[in-house]
Amino acid sequence: MTIENELYGKIRRCHRQGLSMRRTAEILNVSRHTVKRYWEGAHTPDDRKNYPQALESEHKAMIMEALREYFEECRKAGYSKKQQPNAKTAWVALRDRFQAGESTIRRYVRELKANMHAKGFIPLSFEPGEVMQVDWCEIKA
């Protein structure tokens, strides 16, 4: 949980004034865990975890193929709108076969869906004066 700088300053002021963590949490109406995190000043509101870059799995090709098959089977089964498969259901279906976490499967599903759908854009290029588009106009002759 990140907090605002103003709340962080209030927590640090209460610490300098000698109030207890419990009393500070009551006064500021926040969790004691939040107060404890920022109490000594070791953490600041703008701290961010540095997660490592996602490493490509050696099994990515197999997992992607299994995901394609899974989504194809679900499409053929004709699920209703509410029952359509998503990354969570794909992970549940594949977690016994592959040692991949849910976040990894979610990333792969995102990649797969981006590649599955064709781009719906047709570039238009016309010579000047060849075509005209008008949203609204009024003409009197």
N, C-alpha and C. Protein backbone atom coordinates (compact mmCIF):
# COMPACT_ATOMS: atom_id res chain seq x y z
N MET A 1 0.85 -1.18 0.00
CA MET A 1 0.00 0.00 0.00
C MET A 1 0.89 1.23 0.00
N THR A 2 0.63 2.13 -0.89
CA THR A 2 1.36 3.39 -0.87
C THR A 2 0.48 4.45 -0.23
N ILE A 3 1.12 5.39 0.39
CA ILE A 3 0.38 6.44 1.08
C ILE A 3 0.81 7.78 0.51
N GLU A 4 0.06 8.81 0.85
CA GLU A 4 0.39 10.16 0.43
C GLU A 4 1.53 10.70 1.30
N ASN A 5 2.28 11.64 0.75
CA ASN A 5 3.39 12.24 1.49
C ASN A 5 2.92 12.95 2.74
N GLU A 6 1.72 13.51 2.69
CA GLU A 6 1.17 14.21 3.85
C GLU A 6 0.99 13.24 5.03
N LEU A 7 0.42 12.07 4.75
CA LEU A 7 0.22 11.06 5.79
C LEU A 7 1.56 10.57 6.32
N TYR A 8 2.52 10.40 5.42
CA TYR A 8 3.87 9.98 5.83
C TYR A 8 4.47 10.99 6.80
N GLY A 9 4.31 12.28 6.49
CA GLY A 9 4.82 13.33 7.38
C GLY A 9 4.15 13.29 8.74
N LYS A 10 2.84 13.04 8.77
CA LYS A 10 2.12 12.95 10.04
C LYS A 10 2.61 11.78 10.88
N ILE A 11 2.86 10.64 10.23
CA ILE A 11 3.37 9.46 10.95
C ILE A 11 4.73 9.78 11.56
N ARG A 12 5.61 10.41 10.78
CA ARG A 12 6.95 10.74 11.28
C ARG A 12 6.89 11.77 12.41
N ARG A 13 5.94 12.74 12.33
CA ARG A 13 5.79 13.73 13.40
C ARG A 13 5.34 13.06 14.69
N CYS A 14 4.39 12.13 14.57
CA CYS A 14 3.93 11.41 15.76
C CYS A 14 5.07 10.62 16.39
N HIS A 15 5.93 10.07 15.57
CA HIS A 15 7.09 9.32 16.07
C HIS A 15 8.02 10.26 16.85
N ARG A 16 8.29 11.44 16.29
CA ARG A 16 9.17 12.42 16.95
C ARG A 16 8.55 12.94 18.25
N GLN A 17 7.20 13.01 18.30
CA GLN A 17 6.52 13.51 19.49
C GLN A 17 6.46 12.45 20.60
N GLY A 18 6.85 11.21 20.28
CA GLY A 18 6.89 10.16 21.29
C GLY A 18 5.60 9.38 21.44
N LEU A 19 4.67 9.53 20.51
CA LEU A 19 3.43 8.75 20.57
C LEU A 19 3.72 7.31 20.21
N SER A 20 2.87 6.41 20.68
CA SER A 20 3.04 5.00 20.34
C SER A 20 2.51 4.75 18.92
N MET A 21 2.90 3.63 18.36
CA MET A 21 2.42 3.26 17.02
C MET A 21 0.90 3.05 17.04
N ARG A 22 0.43 2.40 18.10
CA ARG A 22 -1.01 2.13 18.21
C ARG A 22 -1.80 3.44 18.28
N ARG A 23 -1.32 4.37 19.09
CA ARG A 23 -2.02 5.66 19.23
C ARG A 23 -1.97 6.44 17.91
N THR A 24 -0.84 6.39 17.24
CA THR A 24 -0.71 7.07 15.94
C THR A 24 -1.70 6.50 14.94
N ALA A 25 -1.82 5.17 14.92
CA ALA A 25 -2.76 4.52 14.00
C ALA A 25 -4.20 4.95 14.31
N GLU A 26 -4.53 5.08 15.59
CA GLU A 26 -5.87 5.52 15.97
C GLU A 26 -6.13 6.96 15.55
N ILE A 27 -5.16 7.82 15.78
CA ILE A 27 -5.32 9.24 15.46
C ILE A 27 -5.49 9.44 13.95
N LEU A 28 -4.64 8.76 13.18
CA LEU A 28 -4.63 8.96 11.72
C LEU A 28 -5.62 8.05 10.99
N ASN A 29 -6.24 7.13 11.74
CA ASN A 29 -7.22 6.21 11.17
C ASN A 29 -6.62 5.37 10.04
N VAL A 30 -5.46 4.78 10.32
CA VAL A 30 -4.81 3.87 9.38
C VAL A 30 -4.42 2.61 10.14
N SER A 31 -4.03 1.61 9.41
CA SER A 31 -3.63 0.35 10.00
C SER A 31 -2.32 0.50 10.78
N ARG A 32 -2.18 -0.28 11.84
CA ARG A 32 -0.91 -0.27 12.58
C ARG A 32 0.23 -0.78 11.72
N HIS A 33 -0.08 -1.67 10.77
CA HIS A 33 0.96 -2.18 9.87
C HIS A 33 1.50 -1.05 8.98
N THR A 34 0.60 -0.16 8.57
CA THR A 34 1.03 0.98 7.76
C THR A 34 1.92 1.89 8.59
N VAL A 35 1.50 2.16 9.81
CA VAL A 35 2.31 3.01 10.69
C VAL A 35 3.66 2.36 10.93
N LYS A 36 3.69 1.08 11.19
CA LYS A 36 4.95 0.38 11.46
C LYS A 36 5.90 0.47 10.27
N ARG A 37 5.34 0.37 9.06
CA ARG A 37 6.18 0.40 7.85
C ARG A 37 6.91 1.73 7.72
N TYR A 38 6.24 2.83 8.03
CA TYR A 38 6.82 4.15 7.82
C TYR A 38 7.34 4.80 9.10
N TRP A 39 7.26 4.11 10.22
CA TRP A 39 7.57 4.66 11.53
C TRP A 39 9.01 5.14 11.65
N GLU A 40 9.97 4.31 11.30
CA GLU A 40 11.38 4.65 11.46
C GLU A 40 11.93 5.45 10.29
N GLY A 41 11.19 5.55 9.21
CA GLY A 41 11.68 6.29 8.04
C GLY A 41 12.49 5.44 7.08
N ALA A 42 12.54 4.12 7.33
CA ALA A 42 13.29 3.24 6.43
C ALA A 42 12.60 3.14 5.07
N HIS A 43 11.28 3.26 5.07
CA HIS A 43 10.51 3.24 3.83
C HIS A 43 9.92 4.63 3.61
N THR A 44 9.78 4.98 2.36
CA THR A 44 9.15 6.24 2.01
C THR A 44 7.99 5.94 1.07
N PRO A 45 7.05 6.88 0.94
CA PRO A 45 5.88 6.62 0.09
C PRO A 45 6.22 6.33 -1.37
N ASP A 46 7.35 6.81 -1.85
CA ASP A 46 7.68 6.60 -3.25
C ASP A 46 8.57 5.38 -3.49
N ASP A 47 8.74 4.55 -2.47
CA ASP A 47 9.51 3.30 -2.65
C ASP A 47 8.79 2.38 -3.61
N ARG A 48 9.52 1.80 -4.52
CA ARG A 48 8.97 0.81 -5.45
C ARG A 48 9.88 -0.40 -5.44
N LYS A 49 9.27 -1.55 -5.51
CA LYS A 49 10.06 -2.78 -5.61
C LYS A 49 10.65 -2.87 -7.00
N ASN A 50 11.88 -3.30 -7.07
CA ASN A 50 12.51 -3.52 -8.37
C ASN A 50 12.35 -4.98 -8.73
N TYR A 51 11.33 -5.26 -9.50
CA TYR A 51 11.11 -6.62 -9.93
C TYR A 51 12.04 -6.92 -11.09
N PRO A 52 12.57 -8.12 -11.15
CA PRO A 52 13.44 -8.46 -12.27
C PRO A 52 12.63 -8.50 -13.57
N GLN A 53 13.31 -8.22 -14.65
CA GLN A 53 12.65 -8.32 -15.95
C GLN A 53 12.18 -9.75 -16.14
N ALA A 54 11.05 -9.89 -16.79
CA ALA A 54 10.49 -11.21 -17.02
C ALA A 54 11.43 -12.02 -17.91
N LEU A 55 11.83 -13.14 -17.43
CA LEU A 55 12.69 -14.01 -18.22
C LEU A 55 11.82 -14.94 -19.04
N GLU A 56 12.21 -15.15 -20.26
CA GLU A 56 11.46 -16.06 -21.11
C GLU A 56 11.75 -17.49 -20.69
N SER A 57 10.71 -18.24 -20.50
CA SER A 57 10.83 -19.62 -20.08
C SER A 57 11.29 -20.48 -21.26
N GLU A 58 12.04 -21.51 -20.95
CA GLU A 58 12.45 -22.45 -22.00
C GLU A 58 11.26 -23.26 -22.51
N HIS A 59 10.19 -23.26 -21.74
CA HIS A 59 8.99 -24.01 -22.10
C HIS A 59 7.91 -23.11 -22.71
N LYS A 60 8.27 -21.88 -23.04
CA LYS A 60 7.28 -20.93 -23.51
C LYS A 60 6.55 -21.43 -24.76
N ALA A 61 7.27 -22.01 -25.70
CA ALA A 61 6.65 -22.48 -26.93
C ALA A 61 5.61 -23.56 -26.64
N MET A 62 5.93 -24.47 -25.73
CA MET A 62 4.98 -25.53 -25.38
C MET A 62 3.76 -24.95 -24.68
N ILE A 63 4.00 -24.00 -23.77
CA ILE A 63 2.89 -23.39 -23.04
C ILE A 63 1.99 -22.59 -23.99
N MET A 64 2.61 -21.84 -24.91
CA MET A 64 1.82 -21.06 -25.87
C MET A 64 0.97 -21.98 -26.74
N GLU A 65 1.53 -23.11 -27.16
CA GLU A 65 0.77 -24.06 -27.98
C GLU A 65 -0.39 -24.65 -27.16
N ALA A 66 -0.13 -24.97 -25.90
CA ALA A 66 -1.19 -25.49 -25.04
C ALA A 66 -2.28 -24.44 -24.83
N LEU A 67 -1.90 -23.19 -24.70
CA LEU A 67 -2.89 -22.11 -24.56
C LEU A 67 -3.73 -21.98 -25.82
N ARG A 68 -3.08 -22.05 -27.00
CA ARG A 68 -3.84 -21.98 -28.25
C ARG A 68 -4.87 -23.11 -28.32
N GLU A 69 -4.43 -24.32 -27.97
CA GLU A 69 -5.34 -25.47 -27.98
C GLU A 69 -6.48 -25.26 -26.99
N TYR A 70 -6.16 -24.76 -25.81
CA TYR A 70 -7.18 -24.54 -24.78
C TYR A 70 -8.23 -23.55 -25.27
N PHE A 71 -7.79 -22.42 -25.81
CA PHE A 71 -8.74 -21.42 -26.27
C PHE A 71 -9.53 -21.92 -27.48
N GLU A 72 -8.91 -22.73 -28.33
CA GLU A 72 -9.61 -23.29 -29.49
C GLU A 72 -10.70 -24.27 -29.03
N GLU A 73 -10.36 -25.12 -28.05
CA GLU A 73 -11.36 -26.06 -27.51
C GLU A 73 -12.52 -25.31 -26.88
N CYS A 74 -12.21 -24.25 -26.15
CA CYS A 74 -13.27 -23.46 -25.51
C CYS A 74 -14.14 -22.78 -26.56
N ARG A 75 -13.53 -22.31 -27.65
CA ARG A 75 -14.30 -21.66 -28.71
C ARG A 75 -15.22 -22.67 -29.37
N LYS A 76 -14.72 -23.90 -29.61
CA LYS A 76 -15.54 -24.94 -30.24
C LYS A 76 -16.67 -25.39 -29.31
N ALA A 77 -16.42 -25.35 -28.00
CA ALA A 77 -17.43 -25.78 -27.04
C ALA A 77 -18.59 -24.78 -27.00
N GLY A 78 -18.38 -23.56 -27.49
CA GLY A 78 -19.46 -22.58 -27.56
C GLY A 78 -19.88 -22.04 -26.21
N TYR A 79 -18.93 -21.64 -25.40
CA TYR A 79 -19.25 -21.07 -24.10
C TYR A 79 -20.05 -19.79 -24.25
N SER A 80 -20.89 -19.51 -23.26
CA SER A 80 -21.65 -18.26 -23.27
C SER A 80 -20.71 -17.11 -22.91
N LYS A 81 -21.22 -15.90 -23.00
CA LYS A 81 -20.41 -14.71 -22.74
C LYS A 81 -19.81 -14.74 -21.34
N LYS A 82 -20.60 -15.18 -20.36
CA LYS A 82 -20.12 -15.21 -18.98
C LYS A 82 -19.13 -16.34 -18.72
N GLN A 83 -19.18 -17.38 -19.54
CA GLN A 83 -18.32 -18.54 -19.32
C GLN A 83 -17.06 -18.51 -20.17
N GLN A 84 -16.84 -17.44 -20.91
CA GLN A 84 -15.69 -17.40 -21.80
C GLN A 84 -14.40 -17.56 -20.99
N PRO A 85 -13.47 -18.30 -21.54
CA PRO A 85 -12.23 -18.52 -20.82
C PRO A 85 -11.40 -17.25 -20.74
N ASN A 86 -10.63 -17.16 -19.67
CA ASN A 86 -9.73 -16.03 -19.50
C ASN A 86 -8.38 -16.57 -19.01
N ALA A 87 -7.49 -15.69 -18.65
CA ALA A 87 -6.15 -16.11 -18.24
C ALA A 87 -6.21 -16.96 -16.96
N LYS A 88 -7.10 -16.63 -16.06
CA LYS A 88 -7.21 -17.39 -14.80
C LYS A 88 -7.66 -18.82 -15.07
N THR A 89 -8.69 -18.98 -15.90
CA THR A 89 -9.17 -20.34 -16.20
C THR A 89 -8.13 -21.11 -17.00
N ALA A 90 -7.39 -20.41 -17.85
CA ALA A 90 -6.32 -21.07 -18.61
C ALA A 90 -5.24 -21.56 -17.66
N TRP A 91 -4.87 -20.75 -16.68
CA TRP A 91 -3.85 -21.15 -15.72
C TRP A 91 -4.32 -22.36 -14.91
N VAL A 92 -5.58 -22.33 -14.48
CA VAL A 92 -6.12 -23.46 -13.71
C VAL A 92 -6.08 -24.73 -14.55
N ALA A 93 -6.40 -24.61 -15.84
CA ALA A 93 -6.42 -25.78 -16.72
C ALA A 93 -5.02 -26.32 -17.00
N LEU A 94 -4.03 -25.44 -17.01
CA LEU A 94 -2.68 -25.85 -17.41
C LEU A 94 -1.69 -26.01 -16.27
N ARG A 95 -2.05 -25.65 -15.06
CA ARG A 95 -1.07 -25.64 -13.97
C ARG A 95 -0.55 -27.04 -13.60
N ASP A 96 -1.34 -28.08 -13.88
CA ASP A 96 -0.87 -29.43 -13.58
C ASP A 96 0.17 -29.92 -14.59
N ARG A 97 0.06 -29.42 -15.83
CA ARG A 97 0.98 -29.87 -16.88
C ARG A 97 2.28 -29.07 -16.92
N PHE A 98 2.21 -27.81 -16.55
CA PHE A 98 3.39 -26.95 -16.65
C PHE A 98 3.67 -26.28 -15.31
N GLN A 99 4.93 -26.12 -15.00
CA GLN A 99 5.34 -25.44 -13.78
C GLN A 99 5.50 -23.95 -14.08
N ALA A 100 4.39 -23.27 -14.25
CA ALA A 100 4.41 -21.84 -14.53
C ALA A 100 3.43 -21.15 -13.61
N GLY A 101 3.81 -20.00 -13.13
CA GLY A 101 2.95 -19.24 -12.24
C GLY A 101 1.82 -18.55 -13.00
N GLU A 102 0.85 -18.09 -12.22
CA GLU A 102 -0.31 -17.45 -12.82
C GLU A 102 0.07 -16.18 -13.58
N SER A 103 1.00 -15.40 -13.03
CA SER A 103 1.39 -14.16 -13.71
C SER A 103 2.06 -14.45 -15.05
N THR A 104 2.82 -15.55 -15.11
CA THR A 104 3.46 -15.93 -16.36
C THR A 104 2.42 -16.31 -17.39
N ILE A 105 1.45 -17.12 -16.99
CA ILE A 105 0.39 -17.53 -17.91
C ILE A 105 -0.41 -16.31 -18.36
N ARG A 106 -0.66 -15.37 -17.45
CA ARG A 106 -1.38 -14.15 -17.82
C ARG A 106 -0.61 -13.38 -18.89
N ARG A 107 0.70 -13.27 -18.73
CA ARG A 107 1.51 -12.56 -19.71
C ARG A 107 1.46 -13.27 -21.06
N TYR A 108 1.54 -14.60 -21.05
CA TYR A 108 1.50 -15.37 -22.30
C TYR A 108 0.13 -15.22 -22.98
N VAL A 109 -0.94 -15.23 -22.18
CA VAL A 109 -2.29 -15.07 -22.74
C VAL A 109 -2.41 -13.69 -23.37
N ARG A 110 -1.85 -12.66 -22.71
CA ARG A 110 -1.89 -11.31 -23.26
C ARG A 110 -1.17 -11.27 -24.61
N GLU A 111 0.00 -11.91 -24.69
CA GLU A 111 0.74 -11.97 -25.95
C GLU A 111 -0.05 -12.72 -27.01
N LEU A 112 -0.63 -13.85 -26.61
CA LEU A 112 -1.38 -14.69 -27.55
C LEU A 112 -2.58 -13.94 -28.11
N LYS A 113 -3.33 -13.28 -27.24
CA LYS A 113 -4.51 -12.56 -27.70
C LYS A 113 -4.14 -11.38 -28.59
N ALA A 114 -3.01 -10.75 -28.32
CA ALA A 114 -2.58 -9.64 -29.17
C ALA A 114 -2.25 -10.15 -30.57
N ASN A 115 -1.71 -11.36 -30.67
CA ASN A 115 -1.34 -11.92 -31.97
C ASN A 115 -2.51 -12.58 -32.68
N MET A 116 -3.53 -13.02 -31.92
CA MET A 116 -4.66 -13.74 -32.51
C MET A 116 -5.57 -12.82 -33.32
N HIS A 117 -5.77 -11.62 -32.84
CA HIS A 117 -6.71 -10.73 -33.49
C HIS A 117 -6.00 -9.92 -34.57
N ALA A 118 -6.57 -9.97 -35.75
CA ALA A 118 -6.01 -9.19 -36.85
C ALA A 118 -6.28 -7.71 -36.61
N LYS A 119 -5.39 -6.92 -37.08
CA LYS A 119 -5.56 -5.48 -36.93
C LYS A 119 -6.72 -5.03 -37.81
N GLY A 120 -7.59 -4.22 -37.30
CA GLY A 120 -8.76 -3.75 -38.03
C GLY A 120 -8.55 -2.37 -38.59
N PHE A 121 -7.40 -2.13 -39.18
CA PHE A 121 -7.09 -0.81 -39.67
C PHE A 121 -6.72 -0.89 -41.14
N ILE A 122 -7.36 -0.10 -41.95
CA ILE A 122 -7.04 -0.03 -43.37
C ILE A 122 -6.53 1.38 -43.64
N PRO A 123 -5.26 1.48 -43.97
CA PRO A 123 -4.74 2.83 -44.20
C PRO A 123 -5.36 3.43 -45.47
N LEU A 124 -5.75 4.67 -45.40
CA LEU A 124 -6.33 5.36 -46.53
C LEU A 124 -5.32 6.39 -47.04
N SER A 125 -5.12 6.39 -48.33
CA SER A 125 -4.27 7.43 -48.89
C SER A 125 -4.91 7.89 -50.20
N PHE A 126 -5.16 9.17 -50.27
CA PHE A 126 -5.79 9.76 -51.43
C PHE A 126 -4.97 10.95 -51.89
N GLU A 127 -5.12 11.25 -53.14
CA GLU A 127 -4.51 12.45 -53.70
C GLU A 127 -5.30 13.66 -53.19
N PRO A 128 -4.67 14.79 -53.03
CA PRO A 128 -5.39 15.98 -52.58
C PRO A 128 -6.55 16.32 -53.53
N GLY A 129 -7.72 16.51 -52.97
CA GLY A 129 -8.90 16.85 -53.75
C GLY A 129 -9.63 15.67 -54.34
N GLU A 130 -9.11 14.46 -54.17
CA GLU A 130 -9.73 13.26 -54.75
C GLU A 130 -10.97 12.84 -53.97
N VAL A 131 -10.91 12.91 -52.66
CA VAL A 131 -12.00 12.47 -51.80
C VAL A 131 -12.26 13.55 -50.77
N MET A 132 -13.53 13.68 -50.36
CA MET A 132 -13.87 14.66 -49.35
C MET A 132 -14.76 14.00 -48.30
N GLN A 133 -14.54 14.33 -47.06
CA GLN A 133 -15.35 13.80 -45.97
C GLN A 133 -15.90 14.98 -45.20
N VAL A 134 -17.21 14.95 -44.97
CA VAL A 134 -17.85 16.04 -44.26
C VAL A 134 -18.67 15.44 -43.13
N ASP A 135 -18.51 15.99 -41.96
CA ASP A 135 -19.30 15.52 -40.82
C ASP A 135 -20.71 16.10 -40.88
N TRP A 136 -20.81 17.38 -41.23
CA TRP A 136 -22.11 18.03 -41.31
C TRP A 136 -21.95 19.29 -42.12
N CYS A 137 -22.89 19.52 -42.98
CA CYS A 137 -22.81 20.76 -43.75
C CYS A 137 -24.22 21.16 -44.21
N GLU A 138 -24.34 22.39 -44.66
CA GLU A 138 -25.58 22.90 -45.18
C GLU A 138 -25.26 23.63 -46.48
N ILE A 139 -25.93 23.26 -47.55
CA ILE A 139 -25.65 23.85 -48.85
C ILE A 139 -26.93 24.49 -49.38
N LYS A 140 -26.81 25.70 -49.90
CA LYS A 140 -27.95 26.37 -50.54
C LYS A 140 -27.55 26.65 -51.98
N ALA A 141 -28.43 26.29 -52.90
CA ALA A 141 -28.13 26.52 -54.32
C ALA A 141 -29.06 27.55 -54.89
